[in-house]
């Protein structure tokens, strides 16, 4: 598991949330060409924060909210999260 996000609600209002990242992973932030052997912390964070805001998984393979992590094909564009 790369990360997990939880959210707490009171009624329909989201009041708190936490995102926990796996500290056993050698994270990277892609400051340059994509490193196919590393995991991009920023892309995983955007995905998890999408869950906190209420987004579910996307069936679109190149969407940031796709259910599986595939670094070389991932996009963090607004289009990829349905905006």
C-alpha atoms as a PDB file:
ATOM      1  CA  UNK A   1       0.000   0.000   0.000  1.00  0.00           C
ATOM      2  CA  UNK A   2       1.353   3.398  -0.978  1.00  0.00           C
ATOM      3  CA  UNK A   3      -0.973   5.585   1.082  1.00  0.00           C
ATOM      4  CA  UNK A   4      -4.419   5.668   2.630  1.00  0.00           C
ATOM      5  CA  UNK A   5      -6.851   8.513   3.241  1.00  0.00           C
ATOM      6  CA  UNK A   6      -9.625   8.584   5.797  1.00  0.00           C
ATOM      7  CA  UNK A   7     -12.373  11.166   6.191  1.00  0.00           C
ATOM      8  CA  UNK A   8     -14.789  11.811   9.042  1.00  0.00           C
ATOM      9  CA  UNK A   9     -18.228  13.301   8.589  1.00  0.00           C
ATOM     10  CA  UNK A  10     -20.898  14.860  10.754  1.00  0.00           C
ATOM     11  CA  UNK A  11     -24.024  14.386   8.718  1.00  0.00           C
ATOM     12  CA  UNK A  12     -23.127  15.395   5.167  1.00  0.00           C
ATOM     13  CA  UNK A  13     -20.277  17.668   6.255  1.00  0.00           C
ATOM     14  CA  UNK A  14     -16.699  16.445   5.985  1.00  0.00           C
ATOM     15  CA  UNK A  15     -15.047  17.626   9.200  1.00  0.00           C
ATOM     16  CA  UNK A  16     -11.640  15.955   9.284  1.00  0.00           C
ATOM     17  CA  UNK A  17      -9.349  13.758   7.276  1.00  0.00           C
ATOM     18  CA  UNK A  18      -5.953  12.150   7.405  1.00  0.00           C
ATOM     19  CA  UNK A  19      -3.614  10.868   4.728  1.00  0.00           C
ATOM     20  CA  UNK A  20      -0.926   8.401   5.755  1.00  0.00           C
ATOM     21  CA  UNK A  21       1.994   7.643   3.440  1.00  0.00           C
ATOM     22  CA  UNK A  22       3.986   4.432   3.627  1.00  0.00           C
ATOM     23  CA  UNK A  23       7.351   5.423   5.118  1.00  0.00           C
ATOM     24  CA  UNK A  24       9.010   2.212   3.924  1.00  0.00           C
ATOM     25  CA  UNK A  25       8.817   3.469   0.332  1.00  0.00           C
ATOM     26  CA  UNK A  26      11.664   5.312  -1.358  1.00  0.00           C
ATOM     27  CA  UNK A  27       9.597   8.289  -2.545  1.00  0.00           C
ATOM     28  CA  UNK A  28      10.688  10.691  -5.274  1.00  0.00           C
ATOM     29  CA  UNK A  29       9.257  13.963  -6.560  1.00  0.00           C
ATOM     30  CA  UNK A  30      10.409  13.809 -10.196  1.00  0.00           C
ATOM     31  CA  UNK A  31      12.560  16.885 -10.339  1.00  0.00           C
ATOM     32  CA  UNK A  32      13.528  16.203 -13.922  1.00  0.00           C
ATOM     33  CA  UNK A  33      12.918  13.271 -16.239  1.00  0.00           C
ATOM     34  CA  UNK A  34      10.556  10.623 -14.885  1.00  0.00           C
ATOM     35  CA  UNK A  35      12.399   7.925 -12.955  1.00  0.00           C
ATOM     36  CA  UNK A  36      10.590   4.698 -13.785  1.00  0.00           C
ATOM     37  CA  UNK A  37      12.082   2.991 -10.717  1.00  0.00           C
ATOM     38  CA  UNK A  38      10.733   5.443  -8.120  1.00  0.00           C
ATOM     39  CA  UNK A  39       7.301   6.404  -6.815  1.00  0.00           C
ATOM     40  CA  UNK A  40       6.196  10.017  -7.172  1.00  0.00           C
ATOM     41  CA  UNK A  41       5.016  11.405  -3.836  1.00  0.00           C
ATOM     42  CA  UNK A  42       3.236  14.343  -5.489  1.00  0.00           C
ATOM     43  CA  UNK A  43       1.099  12.167  -7.761  1.00  0.00           C
ATOM     44  CA  UNK A  44       0.165   9.819  -4.919  1.00  0.00           C
ATOM     45  CA  UNK A  45      -0.660  12.820  -2.686  1.00  0.00           C
ATOM     46  CA  UNK A  46      -2.906  14.373  -5.357  1.00  0.00           C
ATOM     47  CA  UNK A  47      -4.704  11.021  -5.715  1.00  0.00           C
ATOM     48  CA  UNK A  48      -5.214  10.649  -1.961  1.00  0.00           C
ATOM     49  CA  UNK A  49      -6.319  14.272  -1.506  1.00  0.00           C
ATOM     50  CA  UNK A  50      -8.813  13.646  -4.304  1.00  0.00           C
ATOM     51  CA  UNK A  51     -10.318  10.909  -2.140  1.00  0.00           C
ATOM     52  CA  UNK A  52     -10.521  13.315   0.789  1.00  0.00           C
ATOM     53  CA  UNK A  53     -12.489  15.782  -1.317  1.00  0.00           C
ATOM     54  CA  UNK A  54     -14.904  13.030  -2.299  1.00  0.00           C
ATOM     55  CA  UNK A  55     -13.543  11.816  -5.633  1.00  0.00           C
ATOM     56  CA  UNK A  56     -13.710   8.107  -6.356  1.00  0.00           C
ATOM     57  CA  UNK A  57     -11.540   6.031  -8.658  1.00  0.00           C
ATOM     58  CA  UNK A  58     -11.631   6.715 -12.378  1.00  0.00           C
ATOM     59  CA  UNK A  59     -11.792   4.102 -15.121  1.00  0.00           C
ATOM     60  CA  UNK A  60      -9.697   6.385 -17.346  1.00  0.00           C
ATOM     61  CA  UNK A  61      -6.240   4.764 -17.423  1.00  0.00           C
ATOM     62  CA  UNK A  62      -4.256   8.041 -17.488  1.00  0.00           C
ATOM     63  CA  UNK A  63      -6.339   9.775 -14.798  1.00  0.00           C
ATOM     64  CA  UNK A  64      -4.721  10.710 -11.501  1.00  0.00           C
ATOM     65  CA  UNK A  65      -7.708   9.004  -9.800  1.00  0.00           C
ATOM     66  CA  UNK A  66      -7.146   5.670 -11.594  1.00  0.00           C
ATOM     67  CA  UNK A  67      -7.214   2.862  -9.017  1.00  0.00           C
ATOM     68  CA  UNK A  68      -3.676   1.570  -9.709  1.00  0.00           C
ATOM     69  CA  UNK A  69      -0.393   3.476  -9.684  1.00  0.00           C
ATOM     70  CA  UNK A  70       1.420   3.485 -13.010  1.00  0.00           C
ATOM     71  CA  UNK A  71       4.013   6.271 -12.863  1.00  0.00           C
ATOM     72  CA  UNK A  72       5.039   6.521 -16.519  1.00  0.00           C
ATOM     73  CA  UNK A  73       1.485   7.146 -17.739  1.00  0.00           C
ATOM     74  CA  UNK A  74       0.066   9.240 -14.935  1.00  0.00           C
ATOM     75  CA  UNK A  75      -1.083  12.794 -15.413  1.00  0.00           C
ATOM     76  CA  UNK A  76      -1.880  15.365 -12.773  1.00  0.00           C
ATOM     77  CA  UNK A  77      -3.808  17.643 -15.115  1.00  0.00           C
ATOM     78  CA  UNK A  78      -7.232  18.925 -14.171  1.00  0.00           C
ATOM     79  CA  UNK A  79      -8.676  16.988 -17.117  1.00  0.00           C
ATOM     80  CA  UNK A  80      -7.518  13.760 -15.545  1.00  0.00           C
ATOM     81  CA  UNK A  81      -9.553  14.325 -12.381  1.00  0.00           C
ATOM     82  CA  UNK A  82     -12.703  15.213 -14.223  1.00  0.00           C
ATOM     83  CA  UNK A  83     -12.554  18.984 -13.759  1.00  0.00           C
END
